[in-house]
Amino acid sequence: FERDEVYNQADATGFINLFGLPLKVRALMKKEAGI
């Protein structure tokens, strides 16, 4: 939890975007289909 020099917390953004992509695509489909 202290300061470190080995982990870039900004890397998590891309990871979450890709990890959550199926959820995003499904949500867009439901909205378009009126579900």
PDB file of all heavy atoms in Angstrom:
ATOM      1  N   PHE A   1       0.831  -1.206   0.000  1.00  0.00           N
ATOM      2  CA  PHE A   1       0.000   0.000   0.000  1.00  0.00           C
ATOM      3  C   PHE A   1       0.866   1.256   0.000  1.00  0.00           C
ATOM      4  O   PHE A   1       0.356   2.375  -0.151  1.00  0.00           O
ATOM      5  CB  PHE A   1      -0.921   0.014   1.232  1.00  0.00           C
ATOM      6  CG  PHE A   1      -2.095  -0.924   1.093  1.00  0.00           C
ATOM      7  CD1 PHE A   1      -2.041  -2.196   1.637  1.00  0.00           C
ATOM      8  CD2 PHE A   1      -3.245  -0.546   0.415  1.00  0.00           C
ATOM      9  CE1 PHE A   1      -3.109  -3.069   1.519  1.00  0.00           C
ATOM     10  CE2 PHE A   1      -4.317  -1.401   0.287  1.00  0.00           C
ATOM     11  CZ  PHE A   1      -4.257  -2.676   0.840  1.00  0.00           C
ATOM     12  N   GLU A   2       2.158   1.059   0.188  1.00  0.00           N
ATOM     13  CA  GLU A   2       3.079   2.191   0.163  1.00  0.00           C
ATOM     14  C   GLU A   2       3.487   2.482  -1.282  1.00  0.00           C
ATOM     15  O   GLU A   2       3.106   1.771  -2.213  1.00  0.00           O
ATOM     16  CB  GLU A   2       4.309   1.871   1.023  1.00  0.00           C
ATOM     17  CG  GLU A   2       3.986   1.478   2.456  1.00  0.00           C
ATOM     18  CD  GLU A   2       3.204   2.538   3.198  1.00  0.00           C
ATOM     19  OE1 GLU A   2       3.450   3.740   2.945  1.00  0.00           O
ATOM     20  OE2 GLU A   2       2.343   2.175   4.025  1.00  0.00           O
ATOM     21  N   ARG A   3       4.281   3.516  -1.446  1.00  0.00           N
ATOM     22  CA  ARG A   3       4.750   3.894  -2.788  1.00  0.00           C
ATOM     23  C   ARG A   3       5.601   2.773  -3.374  1.00  0.00           C
ATOM     24  O   ARG A   3       6.413   2.160  -2.678  1.00  0.00           O
ATOM     25  CB  ARG A   3       5.579   5.177  -2.694  1.00  0.00           C
ATOM     26  CG  ARG A   3       6.118   5.679  -4.026  1.00  0.00           C
ATOM     27  CD  ARG A   3       6.984   6.926  -3.824  1.00  0.00           C
ATOM     28  NE  ARG A   3       7.549   7.385  -5.077  1.00  0.00           N
ATOM     29  CZ  ARG A   3       6.933   8.191  -5.942  1.00  0.00           C
ATOM     30  NH1 ARG A   3       5.743   8.677  -5.657  1.00  0.00           N
ATOM     31  NH2 ARG A   3       7.524   8.556  -7.068  1.00  0.00           N
ATOM     32  N   ASP A   4       5.394   2.482  -4.654  1.00  0.00           N
ATOM     33  CA  ASP A   4       6.223   1.449  -5.290  1.00  0.00           C
ATOM     34  C   ASP A   4       6.664   1.940  -6.660  1.00  0.00           C
ATOM     35  O   ASP A   4       6.123   2.907  -7.204  1.00  0.00           O
ATOM     36  CB  ASP A   4       5.447   0.130  -5.432  1.00  0.00           C
ATOM     37  CG  ASP A   4       4.324   0.213  -6.458  1.00  0.00           C
ATOM     38  OD1 ASP A   4       4.637   0.092  -7.657  1.00  0.00           O
ATOM     39  OD2 ASP A   4       3.138   0.388  -6.068  1.00  0.00           O
ATOM     40  N   GLU A   5       7.659   1.207  -7.208  1.00  0.00           N
ATOM     41  CA  GLU A   5       8.226   1.590  -8.497  1.00  0.00           C
ATOM     42  C   GLU A   5       8.025   0.496  -9.549  1.00  0.00           C
ATOM     43  O   GLU A   5       8.622   0.546 -10.620  1.00  0.00           O
ATOM     44  CB  GLU A   5       9.733   1.869  -8.340  1.00  0.00           C
ATOM     45  CG  GLU A   5      10.070   2.928  -7.304  1.00  0.00           C
ATOM     46  CD  GLU A   5       9.479   4.302  -7.630  1.00  0.00           C
ATOM     47  OE1 GLU A   5       9.323   4.591  -8.845  1.00  0.00           O
ATOM     48  OE2 GLU A   5       9.159   5.051  -6.681  1.00  0.00           O
ATOM     49  N   VAL A   6       7.188  -0.511  -9.237  1.00  0.00           N
ATOM     50  CA  VAL A   6       7.077  -1.654 -10.144  1.00  0.00           C
ATOM     51  C   VAL A   6       5.700  -1.783 -10.785  1.00  0.00           C
ATOM     52  O   VAL A   6       5.523  -2.565 -11.719  1.00  0.00           O
ATOM     53  CB  VAL A   6       7.410  -2.974  -9.400  1.00  0.00           C
ATOM     54  CG1 VAL A   6       8.845  -2.960  -8.913  1.00  0.00           C
ATOM     55  CG2 VAL A   6       6.437  -3.222  -8.254  1.00  0.00           C
ATOM     56  N   TYR A   7       4.733  -1.015 -10.301  1.00  0.00           N
ATOM     57  CA  TYR A   7       3.360  -1.197 -10.793  1.00  0.00           C
ATOM     58  C   TYR A   7       2.778   0.144 -11.196  1.00  0.00           C
ATOM     59  O   TYR A   7       2.768   1.096 -10.415  1.00  0.00           O
ATOM     60  CB  TYR A   7       2.500  -1.834  -9.693  1.00  0.00           C
ATOM     61  CG  TYR A   7       1.093  -2.201 -10.144  1.00  0.00           C
ATOM     62  CD1 TYR A   7       0.850  -3.403 -10.791  1.00  0.00           C
ATOM     63  CD2 TYR A   7       0.014  -1.348  -9.920  1.00  0.00           C
ATOM     64  CE1 TYR A   7      -0.432  -3.753 -11.199  1.00  0.00           C
ATOM     65  CE2 TYR A   7      -1.271  -1.671 -10.330  1.00  0.00           C
ATOM     66  CZ  TYR A   7      -1.483  -2.881 -10.963  1.00  0.00           C
ATOM     67  OH  TYR A   7      -2.744  -3.224 -11.369  1.00  0.00           O
ATOM     68  N   ASN A   8       2.306   0.213 -12.432  1.00  0.00           N
ATOM     69  CA  ASN A   8       1.684   1.429 -12.942  1.00  0.00           C
ATOM     70  C   ASN A   8       0.169   1.267 -12.842  1.00  0.00           C
ATOM     71  O   ASN A   8      -0.449   0.503 -13.597  1.00  0.00           O
ATOM     72  CB  ASN A   8       2.101   1.662 -14.394  1.00  0.00           C
ATOM     73  CG  ASN A   8       1.529   2.958 -14.951  1.00  0.00           C
ATOM     74  OD1 ASN A   8       0.732   3.647 -14.298  1.00  0.00           O
ATOM     75  ND2 ASN A   8       1.942   3.308 -16.170  1.00  0.00           N
ATOM     76  N   GLN A   9      -0.452   1.983 -11.912  1.00  0.00           N
ATOM     77  CA  GLN A   9      -1.878   1.810 -11.671  1.00  0.00           C
ATOM     78  C   GLN A   9      -2.731   2.211 -12.885  1.00  0.00           C
ATOM     79  O   GLN A   9      -3.853   1.712 -13.065  1.00  0.00           O
ATOM     80  CB  GLN A   9      -2.303   2.591 -10.436  1.00  0.00           C
ATOM     81  CG  GLN A   9      -1.630   2.064  -9.162  1.00  0.00           C
ATOM     82  CD  GLN A   9      -2.281   2.564  -7.895  1.00  0.00           C
ATOM     83  OE1 GLN A   9      -3.486   2.794  -7.875  1.00  0.00           O
ATOM     84  NE2 GLN A   9      -1.482   2.717  -6.849  1.00  0.00           N
ATOM     85  N   ALA A  10      -2.191   3.062 -13.733  1.00  0.00           N
ATOM     86  CA  ALA A  10      -2.932   3.468 -14.937  1.00  0.00           C
ATOM     87  C   ALA A  10      -3.145   2.301 -15.896  1.00  0.00           C
ATOM     88  O   ALA A  10      -4.067   2.327 -16.729  1.00  0.00           O
ATOM     89  CB  ALA A  10      -2.187   4.604 -15.641  1.00  0.00           C
ATOM     90  N   ASP A  11      -2.299   1.234 -15.785  1.00  0.00           N
ATOM     91  CA  ASP A  11      -2.462   0.062 -16.645  1.00  0.00           C
ATOM     92  C   ASP A  11      -3.816  -0.618 -16.423  1.00  0.00           C
ATOM     93  O   ASP A  11      -4.327  -1.308 -17.308  1.00  0.00           O
ATOM     94  CB  ASP A  11      -1.353  -0.958 -16.377  1.00  0.00           C
ATOM     95  CG  ASP A  11       0.002  -0.471 -16.876  1.00  0.00           C
ATOM     96  OD1 ASP A  11       0.034   0.492 -17.670  1.00  0.00           O
ATOM     97  OD2 ASP A  11       1.024  -1.060 -16.472  1.00  0.00           O
ATOM     98  N   ALA A  12      -4.395  -0.422 -15.243  1.00  0.00           N
ATOM     99  CA  ALA A  12      -5.666  -1.075 -14.923  1.00  0.00           C
ATOM    100  C   ALA A  12      -6.801  -0.609 -15.835  1.00  0.00           C
ATOM    101  O   ALA A  12      -7.757  -1.350 -16.077  1.00  0.00           O
ATOM    102  CB  ALA A  12      -6.030  -0.827 -13.457  1.00  0.00           C
ATOM    103  N   THR A  13      -6.694   0.604 -16.359  1.00  0.00           N
ATOM    104  CA  THR A  13      -7.775   1.137 -17.205  1.00  0.00           C
ATOM    105  C   THR A  13      -7.996   0.276 -18.438  1.00  0.00           C
ATOM    106  O   THR A  13      -9.126  -0.144 -18.734  1.00  0.00           O
ATOM    107  CB  THR A  13      -7.456   2.584 -17.620  1.00  0.00           C
ATOM    108  OG1 THR A  13      -7.294   3.379 -16.447  1.00  0.00           O
ATOM    109  CG2 THR A  13      -8.588   3.144 -18.476  1.00  0.00           C
ATOM    110  N   GLY A  14      -6.924  -0.009 -19.154  1.00  0.00           N
ATOM    111  CA  GLY A  14      -7.045  -0.841 -20.348  1.00  0.00           C
ATOM    112  C   GLY A  14      -7.495  -2.256 -20.020  1.00  0.00           C
ATOM    113  O   GLY A  14      -8.306  -2.849 -20.757  1.00  0.00           O
ATOM    114  N   PHE A  15      -6.979  -2.782 -18.928  1.00  0.00           N
ATOM    115  CA  PHE A  15      -7.372  -4.132 -18.523  1.00  0.00           C
ATOM    116  C   PHE A  15      -8.876  -4.207 -18.268  1.00  0.00           C
ATOM    117  O   PHE A  15      -9.569  -5.110 -18.750  1.00  0.00           O
ATOM    118  CB  PHE A  15      -6.595  -4.540 -17.273  1.00  0.00           C
ATOM    119  CG  PHE A  15      -7.154  -5.757 -16.586  1.00  0.00           C
ATOM    120  CD1 PHE A  15      -6.983  -7.018 -17.132  1.00  0.00           C
ATOM    121  CD2 PHE A  15      -7.871  -5.644 -15.399  1.00  0.00           C
ATOM    122  CE1 PHE A  15      -7.507  -8.144 -16.509  1.00  0.00           C
ATOM    123  CE2 PHE A  15      -8.403  -6.758 -14.766  1.00  0.00           C
ATOM    124  CZ  PHE A  15      -8.222  -8.009 -15.327  1.00  0.00           C
ATOM    125  N   ILE A  16      -9.389  -3.250 -17.509  1.00  0.00           N
ATOM    126  CA  ILE A  16     -10.821  -3.268 -17.177  1.00  0.00           C
ATOM    127  C   ILE A  16     -11.667  -3.065 -18.429  1.00  0.00           C
ATOM    128  O   ILE A  16     -12.720  -3.692 -18.587  1.00  0.00           O
ATOM    129  CB  ILE A  16     -11.136  -2.203 -16.111  1.00  0.00           C
ATOM    130  CG1 ILE A  16     -10.409  -2.543 -14.803  1.00  0.00           C
ATOM    131  CG2 ILE A  16     -12.640  -2.099 -15.860  1.00  0.00           C
ATOM    132  CD1 ILE A  16     -10.447  -1.438 -13.768  1.00  0.00           C
ATOM    133  N   ASN A  17     -11.202  -2.205 -19.338  1.00  0.00           N
ATOM    134  CA  ASN A  17     -11.948  -1.986 -20.587  1.00  0.00           C
ATOM    135  C   ASN A  17     -12.085  -3.285 -21.381  1.00  0.00           C
ATOM    136  O   ASN A  17     -13.154  -3.609 -21.906  1.00  0.00           O
ATOM    137  CB  ASN A  17     -11.262  -0.929 -21.438  1.00  0.00           C
ATOM    138  CG  ASN A  17     -11.485   0.478 -20.901  1.00  0.00           C
ATOM    139  OD1 ASN A  17     -12.439   0.726 -20.162  1.00  0.00           O
ATOM    140  ND2 ASN A  17     -10.596   1.403 -21.269  1.00  0.00           N
ATOM    141  N   LEU A  18     -11.000  -4.035 -21.489  1.00  0.00           N
ATOM    142  CA  LEU A  18     -11.047  -5.299 -22.225  1.00  0.00           C
ATOM    143  C   LEU A  18     -11.801  -6.379 -21.449  1.00  0.00           C
ATOM    144  O   LEU A  18     -12.596  -7.128 -22.019  1.00  0.00           O
ATOM    145  CB  LEU A  18      -9.630  -5.777 -22.537  1.00  0.00           C
ATOM    146  CG  LEU A  18      -8.858  -4.931 -23.556  1.00  0.00           C
ATOM    147  CD1 LEU A  18      -7.442  -5.454 -23.726  1.00  0.00           C
ATOM    148  CD2 LEU A  18      -9.582  -4.924 -24.894  1.00  0.00           C
ATOM    149  N   PHE A  19     -11.568  -6.461 -20.160  1.00  0.00           N
ATOM    150  CA  PHE A  19     -12.219  -7.472 -19.330  1.00  0.00           C
ATOM    151  C   PHE A  19     -13.736  -7.249 -19.309  1.00  0.00           C
ATOM    152  O   PHE A  19     -14.521  -8.200 -19.283  1.00  0.00           O
ATOM    153  CB  PHE A  19     -11.647  -7.406 -17.904  1.00  0.00           C
ATOM    154  CG  PHE A  19     -12.041  -8.565 -17.029  1.00  0.00           C
ATOM    155  CD1 PHE A  19     -11.658  -9.855 -17.342  1.00  0.00           C
ATOM    156  CD2 PHE A  19     -12.791  -8.359 -15.880  1.00  0.00           C
ATOM    157  CE1 PHE A  19     -12.015 -10.921 -16.534  1.00  0.00           C
ATOM    158  CE2 PHE A  19     -13.155  -9.422 -15.056  1.00  0.00           C
ATOM    159  CZ  PHE A  19     -12.765 -10.706 -15.385  1.00  0.00           C
ATOM    160  N   GLY A  20     -14.131  -5.999 -19.346  1.00  0.00           N
ATOM    161  CA  GLY A  20     -15.557  -5.672 -19.294  1.00  0.00           C
ATOM    162  C   GLY A  20     -16.209  -5.505 -20.644  1.00  0.00           C
ATOM    163  O   GLY A  20     -17.410  -5.202 -20.721  1.00  0.00           O
ATOM    164  N   LEU A  21     -15.449  -5.699 -21.745  1.00  0.00           N
ATOM    165  CA  LEU A  21     -15.993  -5.485 -23.083  1.00  0.00           C
ATOM    166  C   LEU A  21     -17.231  -6.349 -23.369  1.00  0.00           C
ATOM    167  O   LEU A  21     -18.218  -5.843 -23.918  1.00  0.00           O
ATOM    168  CB  LEU A  21     -14.907  -5.726 -24.139  1.00  0.00           C
ATOM    169  CG  LEU A  21     -15.311  -5.430 -25.596  1.00  0.00           C
ATOM    170  CD1 LEU A  21     -15.773  -3.978 -25.759  1.00  0.00           C
ATOM    171  CD2 LEU A  21     -14.137  -5.737 -26.536  1.00  0.00           C
ATOM    172  N   PRO A  22     -17.246  -7.654 -23.024  1.00  0.00           N
ATOM    173  CA  PRO A  22     -18.468  -8.440 -23.275  1.00  0.00           C
ATOM    174  C   PRO A  22     -19.697  -7.862 -22.581  1.00  0.00           C
ATOM    175  O   PRO A  22     -20.801  -7.887 -23.133  1.00  0.00           O
ATOM    176  CB  PRO A  22     -18.113  -9.829 -22.723  1.00  0.00           C
ATOM    177  CG  PRO A  22     -16.624  -9.895 -22.809  1.00  0.00           C
ATOM    178  CD  PRO A  22     -16.170  -8.503 -22.477  1.00  0.00           C
ATOM    179  N   LEU A  23     -19.512  -7.338 -21.371  1.00  0.00           N
ATOM    180  CA  LEU A  23     -20.642  -6.743 -20.652  1.00  0.00           C
ATOM    181  C   LEU A  23     -21.138  -5.483 -21.367  1.00  0.00           C
ATOM    182  O   LEU A  23     -22.349  -5.244 -21.484  1.00  0.00           O
ATOM    183  CB  LEU A  23     -20.228  -6.412 -19.220  1.00  0.00           C
ATOM    184  CG  LEU A  23     -19.803  -7.596 -18.333  1.00  0.00           C
ATOM    185  CD1 LEU A  23     -19.309  -7.085 -16.990  1.00  0.00           C
ATOM    186  CD2 LEU A  23     -20.947  -8.569 -18.158  1.00  0.00           C
ATOM    187  N   LYS A  24     -20.163  -4.677 -21.863  1.00  0.00           N
ATOM    188  CA  LYS A  24     -20.523  -3.453 -22.565  1.00  0.00           C
ATOM    189  C   LYS A  24     -21.278  -3.766 -23.854  1.00  0.00           C
ATOM    190  O   LYS A  24     -22.316  -3.155 -24.154  1.00  0.00           O
ATOM    191  CB  LYS A  24     -19.255  -2.657 -22.869  1.00  0.00           C
ATOM    192  CG  LYS A  24     -19.513  -1.352 -23.611  1.00  0.00           C
ATOM    193  CD  LYS A  24     -18.195  -0.600 -23.841  1.00  0.00           C
ATOM    194  CE  LYS A  24     -18.437   0.703 -24.604  1.00  0.00           C
ATOM    195  NZ  LYS A  24     -17.167   1.443 -24.812  1.00  0.00           N
ATOM    196  N   VAL A  25     -20.772  -4.738 -24.627  1.00  0.00           N
ATOM    197  CA  VAL A  25     -21.411  -5.103 -25.895  1.00  0.00           C
ATOM    198  C   VAL A  25     -22.819  -5.623 -25.647  1.00  0.00           C
ATOM    199  O   VAL A  25     -23.772  -5.294 -26.369  1.00  0.00           O
ATOM    200  CB  VAL A  25     -20.567  -6.151 -26.642  1.00  0.00           C
ATOM    201  CG1 VAL A  25     -21.329  -6.711 -27.845  1.00  0.00           C
ATOM    202  CG2 VAL A  25     -19.241  -5.542 -27.091  1.00  0.00           C
ATOM    203  N   ARG A  26     -23.000  -6.437 -24.625  1.00  0.00           N
ATOM    204  CA  ARG A  26     -24.325  -6.982 -24.308  1.00  0.00           C
ATOM    205  C   ARG A  26     -25.286  -5.865 -23.897  1.00  0.00           C
ATOM    206  O   ARG A  26     -26.461  -5.858 -24.301  1.00  0.00           O
ATOM    207  CB  ARG A  26     -24.206  -8.020 -23.196  1.00  0.00           C
ATOM    208  CG  ARG A  26     -25.533  -8.692 -22.825  1.00  0.00           C
ATOM    209  CD  ARG A  26     -25.289  -9.882 -21.891  1.00  0.00           C
ATOM    210  NE  ARG A  26     -26.532 -10.552 -21.565  1.00  0.00           N
ATOM    211  CZ  ARG A  26     -27.288 -10.281 -20.506  1.00  0.00           C
ATOM    212  NH1 ARG A  26     -26.915  -9.309 -19.665  1.00  0.00           N
ATOM    213  NH2 ARG A  26     -28.404 -10.942 -20.261  1.00  0.00           N
ATOM    214  N   ALA A  27     -24.802  -4.924 -23.102  1.00  0.00           N
ATOM    215  CA  ALA A  27     -25.654  -3.811 -22.671  1.00  0.00           C
ATOM    216  C   ALA A  27     -26.097  -2.961 -23.859  1.00  0.00           C
ATOM    217  O   ALA A  27     -27.262  -2.538 -23.944  1.00  0.00           O
ATOM    218  CB  ALA A  27     -24.911  -2.961 -21.645  1.00  0.00           C
ATOM    219  N   LEU A  28     -25.177  -2.731 -24.813  1.00  0.00           N
ATOM    220  CA  LEU A  28     -25.531  -1.960 -26.012  1.00  0.00           C
ATOM    221  C   LEU A  28     -26.566  -2.697 -26.861  1.00  0.00           C
ATOM    222  O   LEU A  28     -27.494  -2.093 -27.410  1.00  0.00           O
ATOM    223  CB  LEU A  28     -24.268  -1.684 -26.826  1.00  0.00           C
ATOM    224  CG  LEU A  28     -23.268  -0.708 -26.197  1.00  0.00           C
ATOM    225  CD1 LEU A  28     -21.970  -0.675 -27.003  1.00  0.00           C
ATOM    226  CD2 LEU A  28     -23.871   0.692 -26.088  1.00  0.00           C
ATOM    227  N   MET A  29     -26.396  -4.024 -26.963  1.00  0.00           N
ATOM    228  CA  MET A  29     -27.357  -4.817 -27.719  1.00  0.00           C
ATOM    229  C   MET A  29     -28.744  -4.743 -27.093  1.00  0.00           C
ATOM    230  O   MET A  29     -29.762  -4.571 -27.797  1.00  0.00           O
ATOM    231  CB  MET A  29     -26.878  -6.278 -27.785  1.00  0.00           C
ATOM    232  CG  MET A  29     -27.842  -7.252 -28.462  1.00  0.00           C
ATOM    233  SD  MET A  29     -29.163  -7.880 -27.366  1.00  0.00           S
ATOM    234  CE  MET A  29     -28.228  -8.847 -26.219  1.00  0.00           C
ATOM    235  N   LYS A  30     -28.826  -4.891 -25.788  1.00  0.00           N
ATOM    236  CA  LYS A  30     -30.116  -4.858 -25.093  1.00  0.00           C
ATOM    237  C   LYS A  30     -30.808  -3.505 -25.277  1.00  0.00           C
ATOM    238  O   LYS A  30     -32.028  -3.434 -25.480  1.00  0.00           O
ATOM    239  CB  LYS A  30     -29.917  -5.166 -23.606  1.00  0.00           C
ATOM    240  CG  LYS A  30     -29.559  -6.620 -23.330  1.00  0.00           C
ATOM    241  CD  LYS A  30     -29.189  -6.861 -21.873  1.00  0.00           C
ATOM    242  CE  LYS A  30     -30.398  -6.687 -20.971  1.00  0.00           C
ATOM    243  NZ  LYS A  30     -30.048  -6.983 -19.552  1.00  0.00           N
ATOM    244  N   LYS A  31     -29.995  -2.446 -25.231  1.00  0.00           N
ATOM    245  CA  LYS A  31     -30.564  -1.110 -25.405  1.00  0.00           C
ATOM    246  C   LYS A  31     -31.110  -0.934 -26.810  1.00  0.00           C
ATOM    247  O   LYS A  31     -32.227  -0.417 -27.018  1.00  0.00           O
ATOM    248  CB  LYS A  31     -29.500  -0.054 -25.111  1.00  0.00           C
ATOM    249  CG  LYS A  31     -30.024   1.372 -25.165  1.00  0.00           C
ATOM    250  CD  LYS A  31     -28.943   2.375 -24.757  1.00  0.00           C
ATOM    251  CE  LYS A  31     -29.494   3.795 -24.788  1.00  0.00           C
ATOM    252  NZ  LYS A  31     -28.456   4.788 -24.393  1.00  0.00           N
ATOM    253  N   GLU A  32     -30.347  -1.395 -27.803  1.00  0.00           N
ATOM    254  CA  GLU A  32     -30.767  -1.264 -29.191  1.00  0.00           C
ATOM    255  C   GLU A  32     -31.996  -2.113 -29.490  1.00  0.00           C
ATOM    256  O   GLU A  32     -32.879  -1.739 -30.269  1.00  0.00           O
ATOM    257  CB  GLU A  32     -29.613  -1.663 -30.114  1.00  0.00           C
ATOM    258  CG  GLU A  32     -29.913  -1.444 -31.593  1.00  0.00           C
ATOM    259  CD  GLU A  32     -28.705  -1.721 -32.473  1.00  0.00           C
ATOM    260  OE1 GLU A  32     -27.573  -1.650 -31.945  1.00  0.00           O
ATOM    261  OE2 GLU A  32     -28.897  -2.024 -33.660  1.00  0.00           O
ATOM    262  N   ALA A  33     -32.073  -3.286 -28.846  1.00  0.00           N
ATOM    263  CA  ALA A  33     -33.200  -4.200 -29.079  1.00  0.00           C
ATOM    264  C   ALA A  33     -34.401  -3.892 -28.206  1.00  0.00           C
ATOM    265  O   ALA A  33     -35.444  -4.536 -28.326  1.00  0.00           O
ATOM    266  CB  ALA A  33     -32.748  -5.641 -28.842  1.00  0.00           C
ATOM    267  N   GLY A  34     -34.261  -2.957 -27.304  1.00  0.00           N
ATOM    268  CA  GLY A  34     -35.359  -2.589 -26.423  1.00  0.00           C
ATOM    269  C   GLY A  34     -35.614  -3.606 -25.326  1.00  0.00           C
ATOM    270  O   GLY A  34     -36.731  -3.738 -24.822  1.00  0.00           O
ATOM    271  N   ILE A  35     -34.577  -4.343 -24.966  1.00  0.00           N
ATOM    272  CA  ILE A  35     -34.698  -5.345 -23.888  1.00  0.00           C
ATOM    273  C   ILE A  35     -34.328  -4.691 -22.569  1.00  0.00           C
ATOM    274  O   ILE A  35     -33.280  -4.046 -22.450  1.00  0.00           O
ATOM    275  CB  ILE A  35     -33.778  -6.544 -24.159  1.00  0.00           C
ATOM    276  CG1 ILE A  35     -34.142  -7.206 -25.486  1.00  0.00           C
ATOM    277  CG2 ILE A  35     -33.871  -7.556 -23.009  1.00  0.00           C
ATOM    278  CD1 ILE A  35     -33.177  -8.307 -25.893  1.00  0.00           C
TER     279      ILE A  35
END
